[in-house]
């Protein structure tokens, strides 16, 4: 096979590719995550650069995202054994220098956090469970939308996270990933096991009177 063809195929297989070059003057405040020192920006960052939106406008969650995360946190705090700590608010998880991500919900054993001071830095230890609801990331740097989810999930599992749960609000699906196991996708009306004996149904969790 010609060398040029092989090189082209390798380019297509890259999960993170530069579909378009990102100008260096983009402020750090617009970086949502970094994968191997490659910045992943907030969705809508270009509108901020053009002056059409404020930074705060692209960092906020939608109503369904906020509502779902709020219900999940309340459920977890009420049902998890006291040995666990539930952290939220886009917790920064530091894999290595220049390689970090944000987590909507992270469940740690309290023993993991016992000797860590409360400081304004990312955590460099893996949570046991990470739960993500959609994403605020701009996905233009990825060949397909799912490449982002796969890349982030692989990084979390490689770091030592025991389970990554993705909740997709548009499709009403859940993807569950664990090391050395087949990744599973199921609907919101099916049981979702979190940890230990804690299980829930998203469809029931979201029942509301309004």
N, C-alpha and C. Protein backbone atom coordinates (compact mmCIF):
# COMPACT_ATOMS: atom_id res chain seq x y z
N UNK A 1 0.85 -1.19 0.00
CA UNK A 1 0.00 0.00 0.00
C UNK A 1 0.89 1.24 0.00
N UNK A 2 0.61 2.25 -0.81
CA UNK A 2 1.44 3.45 -0.89
C UNK A 2 1.54 4.15 0.47
N UNK A 3 2.71 4.72 0.74
CA UNK A 3 2.95 5.40 2.01
C UNK A 3 1.95 6.53 2.25
N UNK A 4 1.63 7.24 1.22
CA UNK A 4 0.70 8.37 1.35
C UNK A 4 -0.67 7.90 1.82
N UNK A 5 -1.11 6.75 1.33
CA UNK A 5 -2.41 6.20 1.72
C UNK A 5 -2.38 5.79 3.18
N UNK A 6 -1.30 5.13 3.60
CA UNK A 6 -1.16 4.69 5.00
C UNK A 6 -1.19 5.89 5.94
N UNK A 7 -0.47 6.94 5.58
CA UNK A 7 -0.45 8.13 6.42
C UNK A 7 -1.83 8.77 6.52
N UNK A 8 -2.55 8.76 5.43
CA UNK A 8 -3.89 9.33 5.44
C UNK A 8 -4.82 8.53 6.34
N UNK A 9 -4.68 7.19 6.31
CA UNK A 9 -5.51 6.34 7.16
C UNK A 9 -5.20 6.57 8.64
N UNK A 10 -3.91 6.76 8.96
CA UNK A 10 -3.54 7.03 10.35
C UNK A 10 -4.15 8.33 10.84
N UNK A 11 -4.17 9.32 9.96
CA UNK A 11 -4.77 10.60 10.34
C UNK A 11 -6.24 10.43 10.66
N UNK A 12 -6.95 9.64 9.88
CA UNK A 12 -8.38 9.45 10.08
C UNK A 12 -8.67 8.69 11.36
N UNK A 13 -7.70 7.85 11.80
CA UNK A 13 -7.93 7.06 13.00
C UNK A 13 -7.64 7.82 14.28
N UNK A 14 -7.03 8.98 14.18
CA UNK A 14 -6.73 9.73 15.38
C UNK A 14 -8.02 10.19 16.04
N UNK A 15 -8.09 10.02 17.34
CA UNK A 15 -9.29 10.43 18.06
C UNK A 15 -9.33 11.94 18.22
N UNK A 16 -8.16 12.52 18.40
CA UNK A 16 -8.11 13.96 18.53
C UNK A 16 -7.34 14.49 17.33
N UNK A 17 -8.00 15.26 16.52
CA UNK A 17 -7.34 15.78 15.33
C UNK A 17 -7.68 17.23 15.17
N UNK A 18 -6.83 17.92 14.53
CA UNK A 18 -7.06 19.35 14.32
C UNK A 18 -7.85 19.55 13.05
N UNK A 19 -9.19 19.57 13.18
CA UNK A 19 -10.01 19.86 12.01
C UNK A 19 -9.76 21.29 11.55
N UNK A 20 -9.45 22.14 12.52
CA UNK A 20 -9.10 23.51 12.20
C UNK A 20 -8.14 23.98 13.27
N UNK A 21 -7.20 24.80 12.93
CA UNK A 21 -6.22 25.24 13.88
C UNK A 21 -6.84 26.24 14.85
N UNK A 22 -6.50 26.04 16.14
CA UNK A 22 -7.02 26.93 17.17
C UNK A 22 -6.00 28.04 17.42
N UNK A 23 -6.40 29.29 17.28
CA UNK A 23 -5.45 30.37 17.52
C UNK A 23 -4.92 30.33 18.96
N UNK A 24 -3.64 30.69 19.11
CA UNK A 24 -3.01 30.62 20.42
C UNK A 24 -3.55 31.67 21.39
N UNK A 25 -4.18 32.71 20.90
CA UNK A 25 -4.61 33.78 21.78
C UNK A 25 -5.90 33.46 22.53
N UNK A 26 -6.44 32.28 22.35
CA UNK A 26 -7.64 31.90 23.09
C UNK A 26 -7.31 31.84 24.57
N UNK A 27 -8.05 32.55 25.42
CA UNK A 27 -7.73 32.58 26.85
C UNK A 27 -7.92 31.21 27.51
N UNK A 28 -7.13 30.99 28.55
CA UNK A 28 -7.18 29.73 29.29
C UNK A 28 -8.55 29.50 29.92
N UNK A 29 -9.28 30.57 30.20
CA UNK A 29 -10.60 30.44 30.83
C UNK A 29 -11.59 29.69 29.95
N UNK A 30 -11.30 29.58 28.65
CA UNK A 30 -12.21 28.88 27.73
C UNK A 30 -11.85 27.41 27.56
N UNK A 31 -10.81 26.95 28.26
CA UNK A 31 -10.41 25.55 28.19
C UNK A 31 -11.25 24.75 29.17
N UNK A 32 -11.98 23.79 28.66
CA UNK A 32 -12.83 22.94 29.49
C UNK A 32 -12.03 21.79 30.09
N UNK A 33 -11.20 21.15 29.28
CA UNK A 33 -10.36 20.04 29.72
C UNK A 33 -9.08 20.03 28.88
N UNK A 34 -8.10 19.25 29.32
CA UNK A 34 -6.89 19.04 28.51
C UNK A 34 -6.62 17.55 28.43
N UNK A 35 -6.41 17.06 27.23
CA UNK A 35 -6.08 15.66 27.01
C UNK A 35 -4.68 15.60 26.43
N UNK A 36 -3.73 15.08 27.23
CA UNK A 36 -2.33 15.03 26.80
C UNK A 36 -1.86 16.38 26.29
N UNK A 37 -2.16 17.43 27.07
CA UNK A 37 -1.77 18.82 26.81
C UNK A 37 -2.50 19.46 25.63
N UNK A 38 -3.44 18.74 25.02
CA UNK A 38 -4.25 19.31 23.94
C UNK A 38 -5.51 19.91 24.55
N UNK A 39 -5.75 21.22 24.36
CA UNK A 39 -6.92 21.84 24.97
C UNK A 39 -8.23 21.42 24.30
N UNK A 40 -9.22 21.19 25.12
CA UNK A 40 -10.59 20.97 24.66
C UNK A 40 -11.40 22.15 25.20
N UNK A 41 -11.98 22.92 24.32
CA UNK A 41 -12.63 24.16 24.71
C UNK A 41 -14.11 23.94 25.05
N UNK A 42 -14.66 24.91 25.77
CA UNK A 42 -16.09 24.91 26.02
C UNK A 42 -16.85 25.05 24.71
N UNK A 43 -17.96 24.35 24.59
CA UNK A 43 -18.81 24.51 23.42
C UNK A 43 -19.30 25.96 23.36
N UNK A 44 -19.13 26.58 22.22
CA UNK A 44 -19.54 27.97 22.06
C UNK A 44 -18.41 28.97 22.29
N UNK A 45 -17.18 28.46 22.48
CA UNK A 45 -16.06 29.36 22.76
C UNK A 45 -15.84 30.35 21.61
N UNK A 46 -16.15 29.95 20.39
CA UNK A 46 -15.93 30.85 19.25
C UNK A 46 -16.84 32.07 19.32
N UNK A 47 -18.03 31.87 19.88
CA UNK A 47 -18.95 32.99 20.04
C UNK A 47 -18.41 33.99 21.05
N UNK A 48 -17.71 33.49 22.07
CA UNK A 48 -17.09 34.37 23.06
C UNK A 48 -15.97 35.16 22.41
N UNK A 49 -15.14 34.49 21.62
CA UNK A 49 -14.02 35.16 20.94
C UNK A 49 -14.53 36.25 20.01
N UNK A 50 -15.67 35.99 19.37
CA UNK A 50 -16.24 36.97 18.44
C UNK A 50 -16.98 38.10 19.17
N UNK A 51 -17.11 37.97 20.49
CA UNK A 51 -17.79 39.00 21.26
C UNK A 51 -19.30 38.87 21.27
N UNK A 52 -19.82 37.75 20.78
CA UNK A 52 -21.26 37.55 20.72
C UNK A 52 -21.85 36.98 22.01
N UNK A 53 -20.98 36.38 22.85
CA UNK A 53 -21.44 35.82 24.12
C UNK A 53 -20.41 36.12 25.20
N UNK A 54 -20.88 36.09 26.44
CA UNK A 54 -19.99 36.20 27.58
C UNK A 54 -19.53 34.79 27.98
N UNK A 55 -18.39 34.73 28.67
CA UNK A 55 -17.84 33.43 29.09
C UNK A 55 -18.86 32.65 29.90
N UNK A 56 -19.54 33.34 30.80
CA UNK A 56 -20.50 32.67 31.69
C UNK A 56 -21.64 32.00 30.93
N UNK A 57 -21.97 32.52 29.76
CA UNK A 57 -23.08 31.98 28.98
C UNK A 57 -22.79 30.58 28.46
N UNK A 58 -21.54 30.25 28.20
CA UNK A 58 -21.22 28.93 27.65
C UNK A 58 -20.81 27.93 28.73
N UNK A 59 -20.61 28.42 29.94
CA UNK A 59 -20.20 27.52 31.02
C UNK A 59 -21.38 26.97 31.78
N UNK A 60 -22.55 27.57 31.63
CA UNK A 60 -23.71 27.14 32.38
C UNK A 60 -24.29 25.83 31.88
N UNK A 61 -25.02 25.14 32.76
CA UNK A 61 -25.70 23.91 32.40
C UNK A 61 -27.12 24.21 31.95
N UNK A 62 -27.68 23.32 31.13
CA UNK A 62 -29.08 23.45 30.75
C UNK A 62 -29.96 23.06 31.94
N UNK A 63 -31.24 23.36 31.84
CA UNK A 63 -32.17 23.02 32.93
C UNK A 63 -32.18 21.52 33.20
N UNK A 64 -32.26 20.71 32.15
CA UNK A 64 -32.34 19.27 32.35
C UNK A 64 -31.04 18.73 32.95
N UNK A 65 -29.89 19.26 32.53
CA UNK A 65 -28.63 18.82 33.11
C UNK A 65 -28.55 19.16 34.59
N UNK A 66 -28.87 20.41 34.91
CA UNK A 66 -28.81 20.84 36.30
C UNK A 66 -29.80 20.08 37.17
N UNK A 67 -31.01 19.91 36.65
CA UNK A 67 -32.06 19.20 37.41
C UNK A 67 -31.63 17.75 37.67
N UNK A 68 -31.11 17.11 36.65
CA UNK A 68 -30.72 15.71 36.78
C UNK A 68 -29.55 15.54 37.75
N UNK A 69 -28.55 16.40 37.64
CA UNK A 69 -27.41 16.31 38.54
C UNK A 69 -27.84 16.57 39.98
N UNK A 70 -28.73 17.55 40.16
CA UNK A 70 -29.23 17.84 41.50
C UNK A 70 -29.96 16.64 42.11
N UNK A 71 -30.83 16.00 41.32
CA UNK A 71 -31.55 14.83 41.80
C UNK A 71 -30.59 13.67 42.10
N UNK A 72 -29.60 13.49 41.25
CA UNK A 72 -28.63 12.42 41.45
C UNK A 72 -27.84 12.63 42.74
N UNK A 73 -27.38 13.85 42.96
CA UNK A 73 -26.61 14.14 44.16
C UNK A 73 -27.45 13.92 45.41
N UNK A 74 -28.69 14.39 45.38
CA UNK A 74 -29.58 14.19 46.53
C UNK A 74 -29.80 12.71 46.80
N UNK A 75 -30.02 11.94 45.74
CA UNK A 75 -30.24 10.50 45.90
C UNK A 75 -29.00 9.82 46.47
N UNK A 76 -27.85 10.15 45.93
CA UNK A 76 -26.61 9.50 46.36
C UNK A 76 -26.28 9.82 47.81
N UNK A 77 -26.44 11.06 48.20
CA UNK A 77 -26.16 11.43 49.59
C UNK A 77 -27.11 10.71 50.54
N UNK A 78 -28.35 10.53 50.10
CA UNK A 78 -29.34 9.87 50.96
C UNK A 78 -29.15 8.35 51.04
N UNK A 79 -28.61 7.73 49.99
CA UNK A 79 -28.58 6.27 49.91
C UNK A 79 -27.20 5.63 50.02
N UNK A 80 -26.15 6.38 49.75
CA UNK A 80 -24.82 5.79 49.86
C UNK A 80 -24.43 5.59 51.31
N UNK A 81 -23.70 4.54 51.61
CA UNK A 81 -23.16 4.38 52.96
C UNK A 81 -22.28 5.57 53.33
N UNK A 82 -22.12 5.81 54.62
CA UNK A 82 -21.38 6.99 55.09
C UNK A 82 -19.89 6.91 54.78
N UNK A 83 -19.43 5.81 54.24
CA UNK A 83 -18.00 5.68 53.93
C UNK A 83 -17.63 6.43 52.65
N UNK A 84 -18.65 6.93 51.93
CA UNK A 84 -18.40 7.61 50.66
C UNK A 84 -18.61 9.11 50.76
N UNK A 85 -17.89 9.84 49.91
CA UNK A 85 -18.05 11.28 49.77
C UNK A 85 -18.48 11.56 48.33
N UNK A 86 -19.50 12.39 48.17
CA UNK A 86 -20.00 12.74 46.84
C UNK A 86 -19.54 14.16 46.52
N UNK A 87 -18.70 14.29 45.49
CA UNK A 87 -18.20 15.60 45.07
C UNK A 87 -18.82 15.95 43.72
N UNK A 88 -19.09 17.23 43.53
CA UNK A 88 -19.76 17.66 42.30
C UNK A 88 -19.22 19.02 41.86
N UNK A 89 -19.97 19.72 41.01
CA UNK A 89 -19.60 21.06 40.54
C UNK A 89 -18.36 21.02 39.65
N UNK A 90 -18.35 20.10 38.69
CA UNK A 90 -17.26 20.01 37.71
C UNK A 90 -15.90 19.84 38.40
N UNK A 91 -15.81 18.86 39.27
CA UNK A 91 -14.56 18.58 39.96
C UNK A 91 -13.43 18.34 38.96
N UNK A 92 -12.30 19.01 39.17
CA UNK A 92 -11.13 18.81 38.32
C UNK A 92 -10.33 17.60 38.76
N UNK A 93 -10.11 16.66 37.84
CA UNK A 93 -9.33 15.46 38.13
C UNK A 93 -8.04 15.54 37.30
N UNK A 94 -6.91 15.60 38.01
CA UNK A 94 -5.61 15.78 37.37
C UNK A 94 -4.94 14.43 37.14
N UNK A 95 -4.83 14.02 35.86
CA UNK A 95 -4.16 12.77 35.53
C UNK A 95 -2.64 12.93 35.61
N UNK A 96 -2.15 14.00 35.01
CA UNK A 96 -0.73 14.32 34.97
C UNK A 96 -0.62 15.76 34.52
N UNK A 97 0.59 16.28 34.42
CA UNK A 97 0.76 17.66 34.00
C UNK A 97 0.21 17.85 32.58
N UNK A 98 -0.67 18.83 32.43
CA UNK A 98 -1.26 19.09 31.12
C UNK A 98 -2.31 18.09 30.70
N UNK A 99 -2.78 17.26 31.62
CA UNK A 99 -3.76 16.22 31.29
C UNK A 99 -4.76 16.13 32.44
N UNK A 100 -5.93 16.72 32.23
CA UNK A 100 -6.95 16.74 33.28
C UNK A 100 -8.34 16.82 32.66
N UNK A 101 -9.33 16.47 33.48
CA UNK A 101 -10.72 16.55 33.01
C UNK A 101 -11.61 17.02 34.14
N UNK A 102 -12.84 17.31 33.80
CA UNK A 102 -13.84 17.74 34.78
C UNK A 102 -14.88 16.64 34.95
N UNK A 103 -15.38 16.50 36.17
CA UNK A 103 -16.38 15.47 36.48
C UNK A 103 -17.62 16.12 37.08
N UNK A 104 -18.79 15.80 36.53
CA UNK A 104 -20.04 16.31 37.09
C UNK A 104 -20.24 15.79 38.51
N UNK A 105 -20.07 14.48 38.68
CA UNK A 105 -20.20 13.85 40.01
C UNK A 105 -19.07 12.84 40.16
N UNK A 106 -18.39 12.88 41.29
CA UNK A 106 -17.33 11.92 41.59
C UNK A 106 -17.56 11.34 42.98
N UNK A 107 -17.52 10.03 43.07
CA UNK A 107 -17.72 9.36 44.35
C UNK A 107 -16.38 8.81 44.82
N UNK A 108 -15.95 9.28 45.98
CA UNK A 108 -14.72 8.83 46.60
C UNK A 108 -15.02 8.08 47.90
N UNK A 109 -14.16 7.16 48.25
CA UNK A 109 -14.17 6.64 49.62
C UNK A 109 -13.58 7.73 50.50
N UNK A 110 -14.18 7.97 51.65
CA UNK A 110 -13.70 9.04 52.52
C UNK A 110 -12.25 8.83 52.94
N UNK A 111 -11.83 7.58 53.01
CA UNK A 111 -10.45 7.29 53.39
C UNK A 111 -9.46 7.84 52.35
N UNK A 112 -9.90 7.95 51.08
CA UNK A 112 -9.03 8.50 50.04
C UNK A 112 -8.74 9.99 50.26
N UNK A 113 -9.68 10.68 50.90
CA UNK A 113 -9.60 12.13 51.04
C UNK A 113 -9.15 12.57 52.43
N UNK A 114 -8.94 11.62 53.31
CA UNK A 114 -8.74 11.93 54.73
C UNK A 114 -7.56 12.88 54.97
N UNK A 115 -6.45 12.67 54.27
CA UNK A 115 -5.25 13.47 54.54
C UNK A 115 -5.02 14.57 53.50
N UNK A 116 -6.02 14.82 52.68
CA UNK A 116 -5.88 15.84 51.65
C UNK A 116 -6.43 17.17 52.16
N UNK A 117 -5.62 18.22 52.20
CA UNK A 117 -6.11 19.52 52.67
C UNK A 117 -7.13 20.12 51.71
N UNK A 118 -8.01 20.93 52.24
CA UNK A 118 -8.97 21.64 51.40
C UNK A 118 -8.26 22.81 50.75
N UNK A 119 -7.95 22.67 49.47
CA UNK A 119 -7.23 23.72 48.76
C UNK A 119 -7.84 23.91 47.38
N UNK A 120 -7.45 25.00 46.73
CA UNK A 120 -7.98 25.33 45.41
C UNK A 120 -7.14 24.67 44.32
N UNK A 121 -7.09 23.37 44.35
CA UNK A 121 -6.35 22.61 43.36
C UNK A 121 -7.17 21.39 42.94
N UNK A 122 -6.84 20.85 41.77
CA UNK A 122 -7.51 19.64 41.32
C UNK A 122 -7.04 18.44 42.13
N UNK A 123 -7.87 17.42 42.18
CA UNK A 123 -7.49 16.18 42.87
C UNK A 123 -6.69 15.29 41.92
N UNK A 124 -5.61 14.74 42.42
CA UNK A 124 -4.78 13.87 41.57
C UNK A 124 -4.88 12.41 41.99
N UNK A 125 -6.02 12.05 42.60
CA UNK A 125 -6.30 10.65 42.93
C UNK A 125 -7.62 10.26 42.27
N UNK A 126 -7.73 9.02 41.80
CA UNK A 126 -8.93 8.64 41.05
C UNK A 126 -10.13 8.38 41.97
N UNK A 127 -11.29 8.92 41.63
CA UNK A 127 -12.50 8.54 42.36
C UNK A 127 -12.88 7.11 42.02
N UNK A 128 -13.74 6.53 42.83
CA UNK A 128 -14.21 5.18 42.51
C UNK A 128 -15.22 5.21 41.37
N UNK A 129 -16.09 6.23 41.40
CA UNK A 129 -17.14 6.34 40.37
C UNK A 129 -17.14 7.77 39.82
N UNK A 130 -17.28 7.89 38.51
CA UNK A 130 -17.50 9.19 37.88
C UNK A 130 -18.82 9.12 37.12
N UNK A 131 -19.68 10.11 37.33
CA UNK A 131 -20.96 10.20 36.62
C UNK A 131 -20.95 11.51 35.83
N UNK A 132 -21.18 11.40 34.53
CA UNK A 132 -21.19 12.54 33.64
C UNK A 132 -22.56 12.68 32.98
N UNK A 133 -23.06 13.90 32.92
CA UNK A 133 -24.33 14.18 32.24
C UNK A 133 -24.03 15.04 31.02
N UNK A 134 -24.12 14.43 29.82
CA UNK A 134 -23.76 15.13 28.58
C UNK A 134 -22.35 15.72 28.69
N UNK A 135 -22.08 16.80 28.00
CA UNK A 135 -20.78 17.46 28.09
C UNK A 135 -20.91 18.91 27.68
N UNK A 136 -20.04 19.75 28.23
CA UNK A 136 -19.96 21.15 27.81
C UNK A 136 -18.82 21.36 26.81
N UNK A 137 -18.17 20.28 26.41
CA UNK A 137 -17.00 20.39 25.55
C UNK A 137 -17.37 20.68 24.11
N UNK A 138 -16.55 21.48 23.44
CA UNK A 138 -16.64 21.66 22.00
C UNK A 138 -15.98 20.44 21.36
N UNK A 139 -16.69 19.76 20.48
CA UNK A 139 -16.21 18.48 19.96
C UNK A 139 -15.65 18.58 18.54
N UNK A 140 -15.39 19.78 18.07
CA UNK A 140 -14.88 19.95 16.71
C UNK A 140 -13.51 19.30 16.51
N UNK A 141 -12.75 19.15 17.59
CA UNK A 141 -11.41 18.57 17.47
C UNK A 141 -11.45 17.05 17.32
N UNK A 142 -12.64 16.46 17.45
CA UNK A 142 -12.78 15.01 17.35
C UNK A 142 -13.44 14.63 16.03
N UNK A 143 -13.05 13.48 15.51
CA UNK A 143 -13.59 13.03 14.24
C UNK A 143 -15.08 12.73 14.34
N UNK A 144 -15.52 12.16 15.48
CA UNK A 144 -16.93 11.92 15.73
C UNK A 144 -17.25 12.32 17.16
N UNK A 145 -18.53 12.54 17.43
CA UNK A 145 -18.94 12.92 18.79
C UNK A 145 -18.54 11.87 19.81
N UNK A 146 -18.73 10.58 19.47
CA UNK A 146 -18.44 9.52 20.42
C UNK A 146 -16.95 9.40 20.71
N UNK A 147 -16.10 9.87 19.81
CA UNK A 147 -14.66 9.81 20.08
C UNK A 147 -14.31 10.55 21.36
N UNK A 148 -14.98 11.67 21.60
CA UNK A 148 -14.73 12.41 22.84
C UNK A 148 -15.09 11.57 24.05
N UNK A 149 -16.29 10.99 24.03
CA UNK A 149 -16.73 10.19 25.19
C UNK A 149 -15.81 8.99 25.40
N UNK A 150 -15.40 8.34 24.32
CA UNK A 150 -14.50 7.19 24.44
C UNK A 150 -13.14 7.62 24.98
N UNK A 151 -12.61 8.73 24.47
CA UNK A 151 -11.29 9.20 24.89
C UNK A 151 -11.28 9.55 26.38
N UNK A 152 -12.29 10.29 26.81
CA UNK A 152 -12.36 10.68 28.22
C UNK A 152 -12.57 9.47 29.11
N UNK A 153 -13.43 8.56 28.69
CA UNK A 153 -13.70 7.36 29.47
C UNK A 153 -12.44 6.51 29.60
N UNK A 154 -11.74 6.30 28.51
CA UNK A 154 -10.50 5.52 28.54
C UNK A 154 -9.49 6.15 29.50
N UNK A 155 -9.39 7.49 29.47
CA UNK A 155 -8.44 8.18 30.34
C UNK A 155 -8.81 7.99 31.81
N UNK A 156 -10.09 8.08 32.12
CA UNK A 156 -10.53 7.91 33.51
C UNK A 156 -10.28 6.48 34.00
N UNK A 157 -10.59 5.50 33.17
CA UNK A 157 -10.39 4.11 33.57
C UNK A 157 -8.90 3.80 33.72
N UNK A 158 -8.09 4.32 32.82
CA UNK A 158 -6.64 4.10 32.90
C UNK A 158 -6.07 4.75 34.16
N UNK A 159 -6.68 5.82 34.61
CA UNK A 159 -6.23 6.53 35.81
C UNK A 159 -6.56 5.76 37.08
N UNK A 160 -7.54 4.85 36.99
CA UNK A 160 -7.90 4.06 38.15
C UNK A 160 -9.34 4.16 38.59
N UNK A 161 -10.16 4.90 37.84
CA UNK A 161 -11.59 4.99 38.15
C UNK A 161 -12.22 3.61 37.92
N UNK A 162 -13.05 3.17 38.85
CA UNK A 162 -13.63 1.83 38.77
C UNK A 162 -14.85 1.75 37.86
N UNK A 163 -15.55 2.86 37.71
CA UNK A 163 -16.73 2.86 36.84
C UNK A 163 -17.00 4.28 36.35
N UNK A 164 -17.27 4.40 35.05
CA UNK A 164 -17.66 5.68 34.46
C UNK A 164 -19.06 5.53 33.90
N UNK A 165 -19.94 6.43 34.31
CA UNK A 165 -21.34 6.39 33.88
C UNK A 165 -21.64 7.67 33.11
N UNK A 166 -22.02 7.51 31.85
CA UNK A 166 -22.43 8.64 31.01
C UNK A 166 -23.94 8.64 30.89
N UNK A 167 -24.54 9.79 31.15
CA UNK A 167 -25.99 9.94 31.00
C UNK A 167 -26.24 10.94 29.87
N UNK A 168 -26.95 10.48 28.85
CA UNK A 168 -27.23 11.31 27.68
C UNK A 168 -28.70 11.74 27.72
N UNK A 169 -28.93 13.05 27.85
CA UNK A 169 -30.29 13.53 28.06
C UNK A 169 -31.13 13.52 26.79
N UNK A 170 -30.53 13.77 25.64
CA UNK A 170 -31.31 13.77 24.40
C UNK A 170 -31.77 12.36 24.04
N UNK A 171 -30.85 11.41 24.07
CA UNK A 171 -31.18 10.02 23.69
C UNK A 171 -31.84 9.25 24.83
N UNK A 172 -31.77 9.81 26.05
CA UNK A 172 -32.27 9.11 27.25
C UNK A 172 -31.63 7.72 27.35
N UNK A 173 -30.33 7.72 27.23
CA UNK A 173 -29.55 6.50 27.34
C UNK A 173 -28.46 6.68 28.40
N UNK A 174 -27.97 5.55 28.89
CA UNK A 174 -26.86 5.54 29.84
C UNK A 174 -25.79 4.60 29.32
N UNK A 175 -24.54 5.04 29.35
CA UNK A 175 -23.42 4.16 29.00
C UNK A 175 -22.59 3.91 30.25
N UNK A 176 -22.34 2.64 30.56
CA UNK A 176 -21.58 2.24 31.74
C UNK A 176 -20.30 1.57 31.29
N UNK A 177 -19.18 2.08 31.77
CA UNK A 177 -17.88 1.54 31.39
C UNK A 177 -17.10 1.14 32.64
N UNK A 178 -16.56 -0.07 32.62
CA UNK A 178 -15.72 -0.58 33.70
C UNK A 178 -14.50 -1.26 33.09
N UNK A 179 -13.37 -1.25 33.81
CA UNK A 179 -12.15 -1.88 33.27
C UNK A 179 -12.35 -3.37 33.00
N UNK A 180 -11.82 -3.83 31.92
CA UNK A 180 -11.83 -5.25 31.56
C UNK A 180 -13.24 -5.83 31.39
N UNK A 181 -14.21 -4.97 31.10
CA UNK A 181 -15.58 -5.43 30.88
C UNK A 181 -16.13 -4.77 29.62
N UNK A 182 -17.11 -5.42 29.01
CA UNK A 182 -17.80 -4.79 27.88
C UNK A 182 -18.56 -3.57 28.38
N UNK A 183 -18.49 -2.49 27.62
CA UNK A 183 -19.26 -1.31 27.96
C UNK A 183 -20.72 -1.56 27.62
N UNK A 184 -21.60 -1.07 28.48
CA UNK A 184 -23.03 -1.36 28.36
C UNK A 184 -23.80 -0.06 28.12
N UNK A 185 -24.77 -0.12 27.23
CA UNK A 185 -25.68 1.00 27.02
C UNK A 185 -27.09 0.53 27.29
N UNK A 186 -27.82 1.32 28.08
CA UNK A 186 -29.20 0.94 28.40
C UNK A 186 -30.07 2.19 28.52
N UNK A 187 -31.38 1.97 28.64
CA UNK A 187 -32.33 3.07 28.71
C UNK A 187 -32.51 3.59 30.13
N UNK A 188 -33.17 4.75 30.23
CA UNK A 188 -33.39 5.38 31.53
C UNK A 188 -34.35 4.59 32.41
N UNK A 189 -35.15 3.72 31.80
CA UNK A 189 -36.14 2.98 32.60
C UNK A 189 -35.58 1.66 33.14
N UNK A 190 -34.29 1.40 32.92
CA UNK A 190 -33.67 0.19 33.44
C UNK A 190 -32.85 0.50 34.69
N UNK A 191 -32.66 -0.52 35.51
CA UNK A 191 -31.88 -0.33 36.73
C UNK A 191 -30.46 0.10 36.40
N UNK A 192 -29.98 1.09 37.15
CA UNK A 192 -28.62 1.58 37.00
C UNK A 192 -27.89 1.37 38.32
N UNK A 193 -26.95 0.42 38.31
CA UNK A 193 -26.18 0.15 39.52
C UNK A 193 -25.05 1.17 39.64
N UNK A 194 -24.96 1.79 40.82
CA UNK A 194 -23.93 2.80 41.06
C UNK A 194 -22.72 2.16 41.75
N UNK A 195 -22.90 1.71 42.97
CA UNK A 195 -21.84 1.09 43.75
C UNK A 195 -22.46 0.35 44.92
N UNK A 196 -21.77 -0.70 45.39
CA UNK A 196 -22.29 -1.53 46.49
C UNK A 196 -23.70 -2.00 46.13
N UNK A 197 -24.67 -1.74 47.00
CA UNK A 197 -26.04 -2.18 46.70
C UNK A 197 -26.94 -1.01 46.31
N UNK A 198 -26.34 0.08 45.86
CA UNK A 198 -27.10 1.28 45.51
C UNK A 198 -27.45 1.24 44.02
N UNK A 199 -28.74 1.18 43.73
CA UNK A 199 -29.26 1.11 42.36
C UNK A 199 -30.41 2.09 42.22
N UNK A 200 -30.57 2.65 41.03
CA UNK A 200 -31.67 3.58 40.80
C UNK A 200 -32.18 3.45 39.38
N UNK A 201 -33.34 4.06 39.14
CA UNK A 201 -33.88 4.21 37.80
C UNK A 201 -33.97 5.70 37.50
N UNK A 202 -33.32 6.14 36.45
CA UNK A 202 -33.35 7.56 36.12
C UNK A 202 -34.76 8.05 35.82
N UNK A 203 -35.56 7.19 35.18
CA UNK A 203 -36.93 7.59 34.84
C UNK A 203 -37.74 7.91 36.09
N UNK A 204 -37.49 7.19 37.18
CA UNK A 204 -38.19 7.44 38.44
C UNK A 204 -37.58 8.63 39.16
N UNK A 205 -36.28 8.77 39.04
CA UNK A 205 -35.60 9.86 39.72
C UNK A 205 -36.06 11.23 39.19
N UNK A 206 -36.46 11.25 37.92
CA UNK A 206 -36.82 12.51 37.29
C UNK A 206 -38.30 12.83 37.33
N UNK A 207 -39.08 11.99 38.00
CA UNK A 207 -40.50 12.27 38.13
C UNK A 207 -40.70 13.58 38.90
N UNK A 208 -41.45 14.48 38.31
CA UNK A 208 -41.67 15.78 38.94
C UNK A 208 -43.10 16.23 38.66
N UNK A 209 -43.59 17.11 39.51
CA UNK A 209 -44.99 17.55 39.38
C UNK A 209 -45.15 18.68 38.36
N UNK A 210 -44.05 19.35 37.98
CA UNK A 210 -44.22 20.53 37.12
C UNK A 210 -44.36 20.13 35.65
